Amino acid sequence: MARYVLPNDPALSAAVVTPSDTEDLPNYSRMLYVADGGTGQSIKVTMLNGGEPVIFNNVPTGMLLVQARKVWAADTTVSDVIALW
């Protein structure tokens, strides 16, 4: 039986993110968990619908509610990122 995921449903799966300037995430995220955010921390992502990459600055520890297809190594200072989908 197929399971339909609604926008407000919790994530069903998760995986550690290895930032890369060449590879997309194996599974596009519904959100990202950042374990070591804070002042001065940033993350560069390409959003699910594409377009130019964006940099989120001063990313707090916790959930970053973005649907991302790529987490870039360049310009990303946070580590310990988990993609949830």
PDB file of N, CA and C in Angstrom:
ATOM      1  N   MET A   1       0.838  -1.163   0.000  1.00  0.00           N
ATOM      2  CA  MET A   1       0.000   0.000   0.000  1.00  0.00           C
ATOM      3  C   MET A   1       0.890   1.236   0.000  1.00  0.00           C
ATOM      4  N   ALA A   2       0.622   2.168  -0.883  1.00  0.00           N
ATOM      5  CA  ALA A   2       1.407   3.399  -0.989  1.00  0.00           C
ATOM      6  C   ALA A   2       1.109   4.312   0.191  1.00  0.00           C
ATOM      7  N   ARG A   3       2.124   5.014   0.647  1.00  0.00           N
ATOM      8  CA  ARG A   3       1.940   5.977   1.731  1.00  0.00           C
ATOM      9  C   ARG A   3       2.114   7.354   1.151  1.00  0.00           C
ATOM     10  N   TYR A   4       1.109   8.182   1.303  1.00  0.00           N
ATOM     11  CA  TYR A   4       1.176   9.549   0.818  1.00  0.00           C
ATOM     12  C   TYR A   4       1.686  10.436   1.940  1.00  0.00           C
ATOM     13  N   VAL A   5       2.693  11.231   1.646  1.00  0.00           N
ATOM     14  CA  VAL A   5       3.291  12.107   2.642  1.00  0.00           C
ATOM     15  C   VAL A   5       2.718  13.505   2.439  1.00  0.00           C
ATOM     16  N   LEU A   6       2.103  14.011   3.467  1.00  0.00           N
ATOM     17  CA  LEU A   6       1.546  15.356   3.443  1.00  0.00           C
ATOM     18  C   LEU A   6       2.576  16.354   3.945  1.00  0.00           C
ATOM     19  N   PRO A   7       2.446  17.629   3.591  1.00  0.00           N
ATOM     20  CA  PRO A   7       3.462  18.620   3.964  1.00  0.00           C
ATOM     21  C   PRO A   7       3.755  18.711   5.461  1.00  0.00           C
ATOM     22  N   ASN A   8       2.779  18.474   6.303  1.00  0.00           N
ATOM     23  CA  ASN A   8       2.998  18.597   7.747  1.00  0.00           C
ATOM     24  C   ASN A   8       3.316  17.274   8.428  1.00  0.00           C
ATOM     25  N   ASP A   9       3.436  16.209   7.666  1.00  0.00           N
ATOM     26  CA  ASP A   9       3.785  14.909   8.246  1.00  0.00           C
ATOM     27  C   ASP A   9       5.234  14.935   8.731  1.00  0.00           C
ATOM     28  N   PRO A  10       5.552  14.169   9.767  1.00  0.00           N
ATOM     29  CA  PRO A  10       6.948  14.086  10.203  1.00  0.00           C
ATOM     30  C   PRO A  10       7.786  13.338   9.176  1.00  0.00           C
ATOM     31  N   ALA A  11       9.083  13.502   9.283  1.00  0.00           N
ATOM     32  CA  ALA A  11      10.002  12.799   8.382  1.00  0.00           C
ATOM     33  C   ALA A  11       9.929  11.299   8.629  1.00  0.00           C
ATOM     34  N   LEU A  12      10.135  10.533   7.570  1.00  0.00           N
ATOM     35  CA  LEU A  12      10.112   9.076   7.663  1.00  0.00           C
ATOM     36  C   LEU A  12      11.504   8.464   7.667  1.00  0.00           C
ATOM     37  N   SER A  13      12.494   9.207   7.154  1.00  0.00           N
ATOM     38  CA  SER A  13      13.861   8.692   7.045  1.00  0.00           C
ATOM     39  C   SER A  13      14.856   9.819   7.305  1.00  0.00           C
ATOM     40  N   ALA A  14      16.091   9.431   7.597  1.00  0.00           N
ATOM     41  CA  ALA A  14      17.146  10.407   7.857  1.00  0.00           C
ATOM     42  C   ALA A  14      18.497   9.821   7.475  1.00  0.00           C
ATOM     43  N   ALA A  15      19.445  10.695   7.152  1.00  0.00           N
ATOM     44  CA  ALA A  15      20.807  10.266   6.834  1.00  0.00           C
ATOM     45  C   ALA A  15      21.766  11.422   7.093  1.00  0.00           C
ATOM     46  N   VAL A  16      22.974  11.088   7.491  1.00  0.00           N
ATOM     47  CA  VAL A  16      24.022  12.083   7.691  1.00  0.00           C
ATOM     48  C   VAL A  16      24.393  12.688   6.340  1.00  0.00           C
ATOM     49  N   VAL A  17      24.580  13.999   6.319  1.00  0.00           N
ATOM     50  CA  VAL A  17      24.929  14.715   5.095  1.00  0.00           C
ATOM     51  C   VAL A  17      26.436  14.895   5.020  1.00  0.00           C
ATOM     52  N   THR A  18      27.003  14.556   3.873  1.00  0.00           N
ATOM     53  CA  THR A  18      28.389  14.876   3.567  1.00  0.00           C
ATOM     54  C   THR A  18      28.363  15.992   2.531  1.00  0.00           C
ATOM     55  N   PRO A  19      28.670  17.236   2.948  1.00  0.00           N
ATOM     56  CA  PRO A  19      28.634  18.335   1.983  1.00  0.00           C
ATOM     57  C   PRO A  19      29.535  18.049   0.782  1.00  0.00           C
ATOM     58  N   SER A  20      29.055  18.430  -0.408  1.00  0.00           N
ATOM     59  CA  SER A  20      29.796  18.180  -1.639  1.00  0.00           C
ATOM     60  C   SER A  20      29.513  19.289  -2.641  1.00  0.00           C
ATOM     61  N   ASP A  21      30.536  19.685  -3.365  1.00  0.00           N
ATOM     62  CA  ASP A  21      30.356  20.687  -4.412  1.00  0.00           C
ATOM     63  C   ASP A  21      29.980  20.056  -5.750  1.00  0.00           C
ATOM     64  N   THR A  22      29.956  18.726  -5.814  1.00  0.00           N
ATOM     65  CA  THR A  22      29.652  18.054  -7.080  1.00  0.00           C
ATOM     66  C   THR A  22      28.425  17.146  -7.025  1.00  0.00           C
ATOM     67  N   GLU A  23      28.112  16.588  -5.871  1.00  0.00           N
ATOM     68  CA  GLU A  23      27.035  15.599  -5.771  1.00  0.00           C
ATOM     69  C   GLU A  23      25.799  16.151  -5.078  1.00  0.00           C
ATOM     70  N   ASP A  24      24.626  15.821  -5.633  1.00  0.00           N
ATOM     71  CA  ASP A  24      23.371  16.107  -4.951  1.00  0.00           C
ATOM     72  C   ASP A  24      23.188  15.131  -3.804  1.00  0.00           C
ATOM     73  N   LEU A  25      22.287  15.454  -2.883  1.00  0.00           N
ATOM     74  CA  LEU A  25      21.942  14.523  -1.815  1.00  0.00           C
ATOM     75  C   LEU A  25      21.295  13.286  -2.427  1.00  0.00           C
ATOM     76  N   PRO A  26      21.544  12.094  -1.892  1.00  0.00           N
ATOM     77  CA  PRO A  26      20.921  10.890  -2.449  1.00  0.00           C
ATOM     78  C   PRO A  26      19.401  10.933  -2.362  1.00  0.00           C
ATOM     79  N   ASN A  27      18.890  11.562  -1.302  1.00  0.00           N
ATOM     80  CA  ASN A  27      17.456  11.778  -1.133  1.00  0.00           C
ATOM     81  C   ASN A  27      17.264  13.245  -0.792  1.00  0.00           C
ATOM     82  N   TYR A  28      16.490  13.945  -1.582  1.00  0.00           N
ATOM     83  CA  TYR A  28      16.269  15.364  -1.317  1.00  0.00           C
ATOM     84  C   TYR A  28      15.591  15.528   0.041  1.00  0.00           C
ATOM     85  N   SER A  29      15.989  16.540   0.776  1.00  0.00           N
ATOM     86  CA  SER A  29      15.518  16.694   2.145  1.00  0.00           C
ATOM     87  C   SER A  29      14.181  17.418   2.218  1.00  0.00           C
ATOM     88  N   ARG A  30      13.446  17.130   3.277  1.00  0.00           N
ATOM     89  CA  ARG A  30      12.267  17.920   3.647  1.00  0.00           C
ATOM     90  C   ARG A  30      12.686  18.985   4.641  1.00  0.00           C
ATOM     91  N   MET A  31      13.782  18.712   5.365  1.00  0.00           N
ATOM     92  CA  MET A  31      14.367  19.639   6.322  1.00  0.00           C
ATOM     93  C   MET A  31      15.768  19.137   6.656  1.00  0.00           C
ATOM     94  N   LEU A  32      16.555  20.019   7.251  1.00  0.00           N
ATOM     95  CA  LEU A  32      17.903  19.653   7.681  1.00  0.00           C
ATOM     96  C   LEU A  32      18.014  19.883   9.182  1.00  0.00           C
ATOM     97  N   TYR A  33      18.673  18.958   9.875  1.00  0.00           N
ATOM     98  CA  TYR A  33      18.980  19.161  11.286  1.00  0.00           C
ATOM     99  C   TYR A  33      20.446  19.561  11.372  1.00  0.00           C
ATOM    100  N   VAL A  34      20.712  20.699  12.011  1.00  0.00           N
ATOM    101  CA  VAL A  34      22.072  21.205  12.189  1.00  0.00           C
ATOM    102  C   VAL A  34      22.427  21.064  13.662  1.00  0.00           C
ATOM    103  N   ALA A  35      23.438  20.247  13.962  1.00  0.00           N
ATOM    104  CA  ALA A  35      23.781  19.960  15.349  1.00  0.00           C
ATOM    105  C   ALA A  35      24.719  20.995  15.971  1.00  0.00           C
ATOM    106  N   ASP A  36      25.428  21.751  15.144  1.00  0.00           N
ATOM    107  CA  ASP A  36      26.428  22.673  15.707  1.00  0.00           C
ATOM    108  C   ASP A  36      26.294  24.081  15.149  1.00  0.00           C
ATOM    109  N   GLY A  37      25.080  24.565  15.067  1.00  0.00           N
ATOM    110  CA  GLY A  37      24.850  25.907  14.558  1.00  0.00           C
ATOM    111  C   GLY A  37      25.229  26.975  15.567  1.00  0.00           C
ATOM    112  N   GLY A  38      24.993  28.207  15.187  1.00  0.00           N
ATOM    113  CA  GLY A  38      25.242  29.333  16.079  1.00  0.00           C
ATOM    114  C   GLY A  38      25.780  30.520  15.329  1.00  0.00           C
ATOM    115  N   THR A  39      26.111  31.547  16.056  1.00  0.00           N
ATOM    116  CA  THR A  39      26.636  32.774  15.466  1.00  0.00           C
ATOM    117  C   THR A  39      27.879  32.466  14.649  1.00  0.00           C
ATOM    118  N   GLY A  40      27.897  32.961  13.434  1.00  0.00           N
ATOM    119  CA  GLY A  40      29.047  32.760  12.559  1.00  0.00           C
ATOM    120  C   GLY A  40      28.994  31.474  11.744  1.00  0.00           C
ATOM    121  N   GLN A  41      28.038  30.607  12.012  1.00  0.00           N
ATOM    122  CA  GLN A  41      27.925  29.352  11.260  1.00  0.00           C
ATOM    123  C   GLN A  41      27.035  29.571  10.031  1.00  0.00           C
ATOM    124  N   SER A  42      27.386  28.922   8.933  1.00  0.00           N
ATOM    125  CA  SER A  42      26.609  29.077   7.705  1.00  0.00           C
ATOM    126  C   SER A  42      26.482  27.739   6.990  1.00  0.00           C
ATOM    127  N   ILE A  43      25.478  27.674   6.126  1.00  0.00           N
ATOM    128  CA  ILE A  43      25.279  26.489   5.294  1.00  0.00           C
ATOM    129  C   ILE A  43      24.820  26.966   3.921  1.00  0.00           C
ATOM    130  N   LYS A  44      25.434  26.399   2.883  1.00  0.00           N
ATOM    131  CA  LYS A  44      25.097  26.742   1.502  1.00  0.00           C
ATOM    132  C   LYS A  44      24.334  25.576   0.907  1.00  0.00           C
ATOM    133  N   VAL A  45      23.157  25.847   0.362  1.00  0.00           N
ATOM    134  CA  VAL A  45      22.314  24.793  -0.195  1.00  0.00           C
ATOM    135  C   VAL A  45      21.770  25.203  -1.559  1.00  0.00           C
ATOM    136  N   THR A  46      21.459  24.195  -2.360  1.00  0.00           N
ATOM    137  CA  THR A  46      20.644  24.383  -3.552  1.00  0.00           C
ATOM    138  C   THR A  46      19.270  23.839  -3.194  1.00  0.00           C
ATOM    139  N   MET A  47      18.263  24.665  -3.380  1.00  0.00           N
ATOM    140  CA  MET A  47      16.913  24.287  -3.003  1.00  0.00           C
ATOM    141  C   MET A  47      16.372  23.216  -3.952  1.00  0.00           C
ATOM    142  N   LEU A  48      15.323  22.557  -3.527  1.00  0.00           N
ATOM    143  CA  LEU A  48      14.732  21.453  -4.270  1.00  0.00           C
ATOM    144  C   LEU A  48      14.385  21.847  -5.709  1.00  0.00           C
ATOM    145  N   ASN A  49      13.843  23.030  -5.909  1.00  0.00           N
ATOM    146  CA  ASN A  49      13.438  23.456  -7.252  1.00  0.00           C
ATOM    147  C   ASN A  49      14.586  24.042  -8.058  1.00  0.00           C
ATOM    148  N   GLY A  50      15.809  23.923  -7.547  1.00  0.00           N
ATOM    149  CA  GLY A  50      16.976  24.390  -8.300  1.00  0.00           C
ATOM    150  C   GLY A  50      17.223  25.871  -8.100  1.00  0.00           C
ATOM    151  N   GLY A  51      17.730  26.497  -9.132  1.00  0.00           N
ATOM    152  CA  GLY A  51      18.089  27.907  -9.031  1.00  0.00           C
ATOM    153  C   GLY A  51      19.487  28.059  -8.461  1.00  0.00           C
ATOM    154  N   GLU A  52      19.845  29.296  -8.195  1.00  0.00           N
ATOM    155  CA  GLU A  52      21.165  29.592  -7.648  1.00  0.00           C
ATOM    156  C   GLU A  52      21.249  29.121  -6.194  1.00  0.00           C
ATOM    157  N   PRO A  53      22.411  28.632  -5.782  1.00  0.00           N
ATOM    158  CA  PRO A  53      22.587  28.252  -4.378  1.00  0.00           C
ATOM    159  C   PRO A  53      22.392  29.472  -3.472  1.00  0.00           C
ATOM    160  N   VAL A  54      21.947  29.207  -2.250  1.00  0.00           N
ATOM    161  CA  VAL A  54      21.785  30.266  -1.262  1.00  0.00           C
ATOM    162  C   VAL A  54      22.583  29.907  -0.018  1.00  0.00           C
ATOM    163  N   ILE A  55      23.050  30.929   0.672  1.00  0.00           N
ATOM    164  CA  ILE A  55      23.799  30.733   1.910  1.00  0.00           C
ATOM    165  C   ILE A  55      22.952  31.251   3.060  1.00  0.00           C
ATOM    166  N   PHE A  56      22.710  30.388   4.034  1.00  0.00           N
ATOM    167  CA  PHE A  56      22.035  30.778   5.264  1.00  0.00           C
ATOM    168  C   PHE A  56      23.122  31.064   6.288  1.00  0.00           C
ATOM    169  N   ASN A  57      23.164  32.286   6.796  1.00  0.00           N
ATOM    170  CA  ASN A  57      24.165  32.693   7.776  1.00  0.00           C
ATOM    171  C   ASN A  57      23.593  32.646   9.185  1.00  0.00           C
ATOM    172  N   ASN A  58      24.470  32.493  10.167  1.00  0.00           N
ATOM    173  CA  ASN A  58      24.076  32.437  11.575  1.00  0.00           C
ATOM    174  C   ASN A  58      22.992  31.397  11.806  1.00  0.00           C
ATOM    175  N   VAL A  59      23.199  30.219  11.230  1.00  0.00           N
ATOM    176  CA  VAL A  59      22.236  29.125  11.323  1.00  0.00           C
ATOM    177  C   VAL A  59      22.188  28.624  12.765  1.00  0.00           C
ATOM    178  N   PRO A  60      21.008  28.628  13.384  1.00  0.00           N
ATOM    179  CA  PRO A  60      20.937  28.128  14.765  1.00  0.00           C
ATOM    180  C   PRO A  60      21.004  26.608  14.808  1.00  0.00           C
ATOM    181  N   THR A  61      21.364  26.077  15.955  1.00  0.00           N
ATOM    182  CA  THR A  61      21.286  24.633  16.159  1.00  0.00           C
ATOM    183  C   THR A  61      19.818  24.241  16.115  1.00  0.00           C
ATOM    184  N   GLY A  62      19.525  23.164  15.418  1.00  0.00           N
ATOM    185  CA  GLY A  62      18.146  22.689  15.325  1.00  0.00           C
ATOM    186  C   GLY A  62      17.720  22.489  13.889  1.00  0.00           C
ATOM    187  N   MET A  63      16.423  22.496  13.673  1.00  0.00           N
ATOM    188  CA  MET A  63      15.854  22.229  12.352  1.00  0.00           C
ATOM    189  C   MET A  63      15.917  23.457  11.459  1.00  0.00           C
ATOM    190  N   LEU A  64      16.393  23.245  10.246  1.00  0.00           N
ATOM    191  CA  LEU A  64      16.366  24.261   9.205  1.00  0.00           C
ATOM    192  C   LEU A  64      15.333  23.767   8.205  1.00  0.00           C
ATOM    193  N   LEU A  65      14.208  24.436   8.130  1.00  0.00           N
ATOM    194  CA  LEU A  65      13.074  23.955   7.346  1.00  0.00           C
ATOM    195  C   LEU A  65      13.224  24.341   5.875  1.00  0.00           C
ATOM    196  N   VAL A  66      14.117  23.645   5.188  1.00  0.00           N
ATOM    197  CA  VAL A  66      14.334  23.850   3.753  1.00  0.00           C
ATOM    198  C   VAL A  66      14.320  22.501   3.058  1.00  0.00           C
ATOM    199  N   GLN A  67      13.796  22.493   1.854  1.00  0.00           N
ATOM    200  CA  GLN A  67      13.853  21.298   1.021  1.00  0.00           C
ATOM    201  C   GLN A  67      15.052  21.485   0.105  1.00  0.00           C
ATOM    202  N   ALA A  68      16.102  20.729   0.391  1.00  0.00           N
ATOM    203  CA  ALA A  68      17.377  20.912  -0.300  1.00  0.00           C
ATOM    204  C   ALA A  68      17.703  19.718  -1.184  1.00  0.00           C
ATOM    205  N   ARG A  69      18.337  20.018  -2.314  1.00  0.00           N
ATOM    206  CA  ARG A  69      18.838  18.961  -3.194  1.00  0.00           C
ATOM    207  C   ARG A  69      20.346  18.796  -3.051  1.00  0.00           C
ATOM    208  N   LYS A  70      21.030  19.865  -2.546  1.00  0.00           N
ATOM    209  CA  LYS A  70      22.485  19.789  -2.374  1.00  0.00           C
ATOM    210  C   LYS A  70      22.896  20.642  -1.179  1.00  0.00           C
ATOM    211  N   VAL A  71      23.836  20.124  -0.411  1.00  0.00           N
ATOM    212  CA  VAL A  71      24.515  20.898   0.624  1.00  0.00           C
ATOM    213  C   VAL A  71      25.959  21.030   0.166  1.00  0.00           C
ATOM    214  N   TRP A  72      26.362  22.246  -0.084  1.00  0.00           N
ATOM    215  CA  TRP A  72      27.686  22.520  -0.640  1.00  0.00           C
ATOM    216  C   TRP A  72      28.763  22.457   0.432  1.00  0.00           C
ATOM    217  N   ALA A  73      29.955  22.010   0.046  1.00  0.00           N
ATOM    218  CA  ALA A  73      31.107  22.028   0.951  1.00  0.00           C
ATOM    219  C   ALA A  73      31.665  23.447   1.036  1.00  0.00           C
ATOM    220  N   ALA A  74      31.740  24.116  -0.123  1.00  0.00           N
ATOM    221  CA  ALA A  74      32.220  25.494  -0.154  1.00  0.00           C
ATOM    222  C   ALA A  74      31.211  26.390   0.551  1.00  0.00           C
ATOM    223  N   ASP A  75      31.688  27.283   1.385  1.00  0.00           N
ATOM    224  CA  ASP A  75      30.868  28.255   2.110  1.00  0.00           C
ATOM    225  C   ASP A  75      30.001  27.640   3.205  1.00  0.00           C
ATOM    226  N   THR A  76      30.160  26.361   3.501  1.00  0.00           N
ATOM    227  CA  THR A  76      29.439  25.728   4.602  1.00  0.00           C
ATOM    228  C   THR A  76      30.403  25.543   5.765  1.00  0.00           C
ATOM    229  N   THR A  77      30.057  26.121   6.920  1.00  0.00           N
ATOM    230  CA  THR A  77      30.926  26.006   8.089  1.00  0.00           C
ATOM    231  C   THR A  77      30.343  25.078   9.149  1.00  0.00           C
ATOM    232  N   VAL A  78      29.056  24.770   9.058  1.00  0.00           N
ATOM    233  CA  VAL A  78      28.467  23.838  10.021  1.00  0.00           C
ATOM    234  C   VAL A  78      28.910  22.423   9.684  1.00  0.00           C
ATOM    235  N   SER A  79      28.910  21.582  10.690  1.00  0.00           N
ATOM    236  CA  SER A  79      29.126  20.153  10.462  1.00  0.00           C
ATOM    237  C   SER A  79      28.021  19.429  11.216  1.00  0.00           C
ATOM    238  N   ASP A  80      28.025  18.130  11.154  1.00  0.00           N
ATOM    239  CA  ASP A  80      26.983  17.365  11.825  1.00  0.00           C
ATOM    240  C   ASP A  80      25.594  17.771  11.337  1.00  0.00           C
ATOM    241  N   VAL A  81      25.388  17.634  10.031  1.00  0.00           N
ATOM    242  CA  VAL A  81      24.092  17.927   9.411  1.00  0.00           C
ATOM    243  C   VAL A  81      23.414  16.615   9.071  1.00  0.00           C
ATOM    244  N   ILE A  82      22.126  16.540   9.343  1.00  0.00           N
ATOM    245  CA  ILE A  82      21.334  15.355   9.011  1.00  0.00           C
ATOM    246  C   ILE A  82      20.190  15.801   8.118  1.00  0.00           C
ATOM    247  N   ALA A  83      20.013  15.094   7.001  1.00  0.00           N
ATOM    248  CA  ALA A  83      18.884  15.344   6.105  1.00  0.00           C
ATOM    249  C   ALA A  83      17.729  14.445   6.533  1.00  0.00           C
ATOM    250  N   LEU A  84      16.543  15.013   6.577  1.00  0.00           N
ATOM    251  CA  LEU A  84      15.332  14.258   6.903  1.00  0.00           C
ATOM    252  C   LEU A  84      14.389  14.343   5.715  1.00  0.00           C
ATOM    253  N   TRP A  85      13.754  13.211   5.386  1.00  0.00           N
ATOM    254  CA  TRP A  85      12.794  13.205   4.285  1.00  0.00           C
ATOM    255  C   TRP A  85      11.676  12.249   4.568  1.00  0.00           C
TER     256      TRP A  85
END
